[in-house]
Amino acid sequence: MFGDKKNKIKDTERSLISETVSVEGTINSSGAIDIAGLVKGPVISKEIIIRETGSITGSIEGDRVEIHGHMDGKISGEDVVVGSTGTVKGDIEFSNNLKTENGADIDGYIKKTHGSKSKLTPDFLFSKSKEDKKPKENGGSETVLNKEKEVIA
């Protein structure tokens, strides 16, 4: 059972926030996170699954996002699934697929984006980049990320 190498899970594969755990703050992971407890703050991971008992208040961003519990905030992902027991109060942005099961409750806007907007590089996950506001020629403003010089208009 415990020595079976076939069913061994690596540390980088999955993390669990159990039903008895409440977390306040930003959660970053390069693997997958199952949330069965309560989280207040943004969650950024490759794969995020909110179980039926789980709840997040804050934004989430991942390549694959599944909501079977409660989500209050913006969701950004390539593939997003809202299960039959899932409740979302916030906007959903997806770039590849969106699946909603019968009974899913969504109160927000749904938008399909083009291309991958994933920020899940190791540099992003464990370091903070500073943003500078610079005026545009037409009088507006744009955000320039110092680390990668990526311009967001």
C-alpha atoms as a PDB file:
ATOM      1  CA  MET A   1       0.000   0.000   0.000  1.00  0.00           C
ATOM      2  CA  PHE A   2       2.512   2.653   1.128  1.00  0.00           C
ATOM      3  CA  GLY A   3       5.453   1.024  -0.626  1.00  0.00           C
ATOM      4  CA  ASP A   4       3.635   0.629  -3.940  1.00  0.00           C
ATOM      5  CA  LYS A   5       5.669   2.721  -6.381  1.00  0.00           C
ATOM      6  CA  LYS A   6       2.944   2.521  -9.002  1.00  0.00           C
ATOM      7  CA  ASN A   7       0.557   4.706  -6.930  1.00  0.00           C
ATOM      8  CA  LYS A   8       3.206   6.990  -5.432  1.00  0.00           C
ATOM      9  CA  ILE A   9       2.377  10.695  -5.765  1.00  0.00           C
ATOM     10  CA  LYS A  10       5.270  13.130  -6.186  1.00  0.00           C
ATOM     11  CA  ASP A  11       5.407  16.272  -4.053  1.00  0.00           C
ATOM     12  CA  THR A  12       5.168  18.475  -7.143  1.00  0.00           C
ATOM     13  CA  GLU A  13       2.006  16.806  -8.430  1.00  0.00           C
ATOM     14  CA  ARG A  14      -0.772  17.616  -5.907  1.00  0.00           C
ATOM     15  CA  SER A  15      -1.375  19.666  -2.806  1.00  0.00           C
ATOM     16  CA  LEU A  16      -4.477  19.480  -0.615  1.00  0.00           C
ATOM     17  CA  ILE A  17      -6.094  22.144   1.500  1.00  0.00           C
ATOM     18  CA  SER A  18      -8.396  19.926   3.538  1.00  0.00           C
ATOM     19  CA  GLU A  19     -11.858  20.644   4.932  1.00  0.00           C
ATOM     20  CA  THR A  20     -10.437  21.599   8.321  1.00  0.00           C
ATOM     21  CA  VAL A  21      -8.022  24.217   6.917  1.00  0.00           C
ATOM     22  CA  SER A  22      -8.615  27.931   6.356  1.00  0.00           C
ATOM     23  CA  VAL A  23      -5.958  29.968   4.517  1.00  0.00           C
ATOM     24  CA  GLU A  24      -5.723  33.727   4.074  1.00  0.00           C
ATOM     25  CA  GLY A  25      -3.213  35.049   1.521  1.00  0.00           C
ATOM     26  CA  THR A  26      -1.810  34.288  -1.920  1.00  0.00           C
ATOM     27  CA  ILE A  27      -1.262  30.655  -2.891  1.00  0.00           C
ATOM     28  CA  ASN A  28       1.186  29.841  -5.709  1.00  0.00           C
ATOM     29  CA  SER A  29       1.948  26.335  -6.910  1.00  0.00           C
ATOM     30  CA  SER A  30       3.720  24.872  -9.911  1.00  0.00           C
ATOM     31  CA  GLY A  31       1.708  21.651  -9.501  1.00  0.00           C
ATOM     32  CA  ALA A  32      -1.950  20.961  -8.787  1.00  0.00           C
ATOM     33  CA  ILE A  33      -4.056  22.061  -5.820  1.00  0.00           C
ATOM     34  CA  ASP A  34      -7.215  20.448  -4.457  1.00  0.00           C
ATOM     35  CA  ILE A  35      -9.164  22.792  -2.217  1.00  0.00           C
ATOM     36  CA  ALA A  36     -11.672  21.274   0.192  1.00  0.00           C
ATOM     37  CA  GLY A  37     -11.295  24.007   2.833  1.00  0.00           C
ATOM     38  CA  LEU A  38     -11.549  27.800   2.784  1.00  0.00           C
ATOM     39  CA  VAL A  39      -9.180  30.169   0.973  1.00  0.00           C
ATOM     40  CA  LYS A  40      -9.294  33.978   1.088  1.00  0.00           C
ATOM     41  CA  GLY A  41      -6.932  35.373  -1.504  1.00  0.00           C
ATOM     42  CA  PRO A  42      -5.691  34.682  -5.027  1.00  0.00           C
ATOM     43  CA  VAL A  43      -4.736  31.136  -6.085  1.00  0.00           C
ATOM     44  CA  ILE A  44      -2.326  30.543  -8.988  1.00  0.00           C
ATOM     45  CA  SER A  45      -1.517  26.997 -10.072  1.00  0.00           C
ATOM     46  CA  LYS A  46      -1.282  24.684 -13.080  1.00  0.00           C
ATOM     47  CA  GLU A  47      -4.428  22.842 -11.984  1.00  0.00           C
ATOM     48  CA  ILE A  48      -6.969  24.000  -9.407  1.00  0.00           C
ATOM     49  CA  ILE A  49      -9.860  21.846  -8.210  1.00  0.00           C
ATOM     50  CA  ILE A  50     -12.354  23.257  -5.739  1.00  0.00           C
ATOM     51  CA  ARG A  51     -14.091  20.275  -4.178  1.00  0.00           C
ATOM     52  CA  GLU A  52     -17.738  20.341  -3.019  1.00  0.00           C
ATOM     53  CA  THR A  53     -16.731  21.467   0.485  1.00  0.00           C
ATOM     54  CA  GLY A  54     -14.183  23.994  -0.800  1.00  0.00           C
ATOM     55  CA  SER A  55     -14.549  27.748  -1.109  1.00  0.00           C
ATOM     56  CA  ILE A  56     -12.319  30.482  -2.554  1.00  0.00           C
ATOM     57  CA  THR A  57     -12.860  34.210  -2.155  1.00  0.00           C
ATOM     58  CA  GLY A  58     -10.389  35.834  -4.557  1.00  0.00           C
ATOM     59  CA  SER A  59      -9.175  35.360  -8.099  1.00  0.00           C
ATOM     60  CA  ILE A  60      -7.859  32.080  -9.476  1.00  0.00           C
ATOM     61  CA  GLU A  61      -5.650  31.402 -12.448  1.00  0.00           C
ATOM     62  CA  GLY A  62      -4.602  28.055 -13.860  1.00  0.00           C
ATOM     63  CA  ASP A  63      -4.282  26.000 -16.988  1.00  0.00           C
ATOM     64  CA  ARG A  64      -7.100  23.718 -15.783  1.00  0.00           C
ATOM     65  CA  VAL A  65      -9.740  24.888 -13.302  1.00  0.00           C
ATOM     66  CA  GLU A  66     -12.595  22.798 -11.877  1.00  0.00           C
ATOM     67  CA  ILE A  67     -15.254  24.249  -9.585  1.00  0.00           C
ATOM     68  CA  HIS A  68     -17.409  21.831  -7.602  1.00  0.00           C
ATOM     69  CA  GLY A  69     -17.702  24.067  -4.530  1.00  0.00           C
ATOM     70  CA  HIS A  70     -18.003  27.840  -4.107  1.00  0.00           C
ATOM     71  CA  MET A  71     -15.958  30.469  -5.969  1.00  0.00           C
ATOM     72  CA  ASP A  72     -16.319  34.210  -5.367  1.00  0.00           C
ATOM     73  CA  GLY A  73     -13.997  36.065  -7.755  1.00  0.00           C
ATOM     74  CA  LYS A  74     -12.547  36.055 -11.252  1.00  0.00           C
ATOM     75  CA  ILE A  75     -11.489  32.796 -12.926  1.00  0.00           C
ATOM     76  CA  SER A  76      -8.826  32.738 -15.664  1.00  0.00           C
ATOM     77  CA  GLY A  77      -7.898  29.449 -17.274  1.00  0.00           C
ATOM     78  CA  GLU A  78      -7.333  27.532 -20.460  1.00  0.00           C
ATOM     79  CA  ASP A  79      -9.860  24.812 -19.586  1.00  0.00           C
ATOM     80  CA  VAL A  80     -12.604  25.614 -17.068  1.00  0.00           C
ATOM     81  CA  VAL A  81     -15.210  23.184 -15.694  1.00  0.00           C
ATOM     82  CA  VAL A  82     -18.085  24.240 -13.453  1.00  0.00           C
ATOM     83  CA  GLY A  83     -19.580  21.081 -11.991  1.00  0.00           C
ATOM     84  CA  SER A  84     -23.213  20.420 -11.099  1.00  0.00           C
ATOM     85  CA  THR A  85     -22.546  21.410  -7.460  1.00  0.00           C
ATOM     86  CA  GLY A  86     -20.381  24.411  -8.407  1.00  0.00           C
ATOM     87  CA  THR A  87     -21.294  28.024  -7.662  1.00  0.00           C
ATOM     88  CA  VAL A  88     -19.378  30.887  -9.292  1.00  0.00           C
ATOM     89  CA  LYS A  89     -19.946  34.535  -8.396  1.00  0.00           C
ATOM     90  CA  GLY A  90     -17.556  36.316 -10.718  1.00  0.00           C
ATOM     91  CA  ASP A  91     -16.339  36.499 -14.282  1.00  0.00           C
ATOM     92  CA  ILE A  92     -14.883  33.535 -16.169  1.00  0.00           C
ATOM     93  CA  GLU A  93     -12.181  33.925 -18.828  1.00  0.00           C
ATOM     94  CA  PHE A  94     -11.094  30.833 -20.733  1.00  0.00           C
ATOM     95  CA  SER A  95      -8.922  30.327 -23.802  1.00  0.00           C
ATOM     96  CA  ASN A  96      -9.613  26.720 -24.781  1.00  0.00           C
ATOM     97  CA  ASN A  97     -12.720  25.004 -23.342  1.00  0.00           C
ATOM     98  CA  LEU A  98     -15.539  25.826 -20.929  1.00  0.00           C
ATOM     99  CA  LYS A  99     -17.790  23.066 -19.609  1.00  0.00           C
ATOM    100  CA  THR A 100     -20.790  23.660 -17.373  1.00  0.00           C
ATOM    101  CA  GLU A 101     -22.647  20.702 -15.965  1.00  0.00           C
ATOM    102  CA  ASN A 102     -26.404  20.602 -15.364  1.00  0.00           C
ATOM    103  CA  GLY A 103     -27.071  22.449 -12.093  1.00  0.00           C
ATOM    104  CA  ALA A 104     -24.004  24.724 -12.220  1.00  0.00           C
ATOM    105  CA  ASP A 105     -24.719  28.222 -10.844  1.00  0.00           C
ATOM    106  CA  ILE A 106     -22.845  31.106 -12.514  1.00  0.00           C
ATOM    107  CA  ASP A 107     -23.381  34.787 -11.727  1.00  0.00           C
ATOM    108  CA  GLY A 108     -20.939  36.734 -13.895  1.00  0.00           C
ATOM    109  CA  TYR A 109     -19.680  37.322 -17.389  1.00  0.00           C
ATOM    110  CA  ILE A 110     -18.093  34.606 -19.530  1.00  0.00           C
ATOM    111  CA  LYS A 111     -15.438  35.537 -22.060  1.00  0.00           C
ATOM    112  CA  LYS A 112     -13.356  33.443 -24.447  1.00  0.00           C
ATOM    113  CA  THR A 113      -9.887  34.871 -24.890  1.00  0.00           C
ATOM    114  CA  HIS A 114      -7.553  34.131 -27.782  1.00  0.00           C
ATOM    115  CA  GLY A 115      -4.257  32.426 -27.105  1.00  0.00           C
ATOM    116  CA  SER A 116      -2.758  31.321 -23.833  1.00  0.00           C
ATOM    117  CA  LYS A 117      -2.494  34.003 -21.171  1.00  0.00           C
ATOM    118  CA  SER A 118      -0.792  31.675 -18.708  1.00  0.00           C
ATOM    119  CA  LYS A 119       1.610  33.422 -16.349  1.00  0.00           C
ATOM    120  CA  LEU A 120       2.606  30.139 -14.749  1.00  0.00           C
ATOM    121  CA  THR A 121       6.335  30.329 -15.325  1.00  0.00           C
ATOM    122  CA  PRO A 122       8.584  29.476 -12.391  1.00  0.00           C
ATOM    123  CA  ASP A 123       9.779  33.108 -12.330  1.00  0.00           C
ATOM    124  CA  PHE A 124       6.229  34.361 -11.921  1.00  0.00           C
ATOM    125  CA  LEU A 125       5.189  31.832  -9.308  1.00  0.00           C
ATOM    126  CA  PHE A 126       7.842  32.660  -6.780  1.00  0.00           C
ATOM    127  CA  SER A 127       8.834  36.256  -7.454  1.00  0.00           C
ATOM    128  CA  LYS A 128       7.034  39.538  -7.742  1.00  0.00           C
ATOM    129  CA  SER A 129       7.425  41.830 -10.728  1.00  0.00           C
ATOM    130  CA  LYS A 130       6.944  45.556 -10.383  1.00  0.00           C
ATOM    131  CA  GLU A 131       4.597  47.480 -12.629  1.00  0.00           C
ATOM    132  CA  ASP A 132       5.110  51.011 -13.866  1.00  0.00           C
ATOM    133  CA  LYS A 133       2.418  53.180 -15.358  1.00  0.00           C
ATOM    134  CA  LYS A 134       3.590  55.069 -18.438  1.00  0.00           C
ATOM    135  CA  PRO A 135       1.495  57.542 -20.443  1.00  0.00           C
ATOM    136  CA  LYS A 136       0.504  56.562 -23.949  1.00  0.00           C
ATOM    137  CA  GLU A 137       0.769  58.920 -26.896  1.00  0.00           C
ATOM    138  CA  ASN A 138      -3.040  59.174 -27.135  1.00  0.00           C
ATOM    139  CA  GLY A 139      -3.391  60.317 -23.502  1.00  0.00           C
ATOM    140  CA  GLY A 140      -4.284  56.950 -21.905  1.00  0.00           C
ATOM    141  CA  SER A 141      -1.976  54.795 -19.839  1.00  0.00           C
ATOM    142  CA  GLU A 142      -0.338  51.423 -20.329  1.00  0.00           C
ATOM    143  CA  THR A 143       1.171  48.946 -17.914  1.00  0.00           C
ATOM    144  CA  VAL A 144       4.757  47.850 -18.485  1.00  0.00           C
ATOM    145  CA  LEU A 145       6.129  44.881 -16.552  1.00  0.00           C
ATOM    146  CA  ASN A 146       9.763  45.580 -15.667  1.00  0.00           C
ATOM    147  CA  LYS A 147      10.848  41.938 -15.609  1.00  0.00           C
ATOM    148  CA  GLU A 148       9.796  40.963 -19.142  1.00  0.00           C
ATOM    149  CA  LYS A 149       9.017  44.355 -20.694  1.00  0.00           C
ATOM    150  CA  GLU A 150       5.598  42.995 -21.661  1.00  0.00           C
ATOM    151  CA  VAL A 151       3.223  45.783 -22.600  1.00  0.00           C
ATOM    152  CA  ILE A 152      -0.420  45.507 -21.656  1.00  0.00           C
ATOM    153  CA  ALA A 153      -2.567  48.195 -23.280  1.00  0.00           C
END
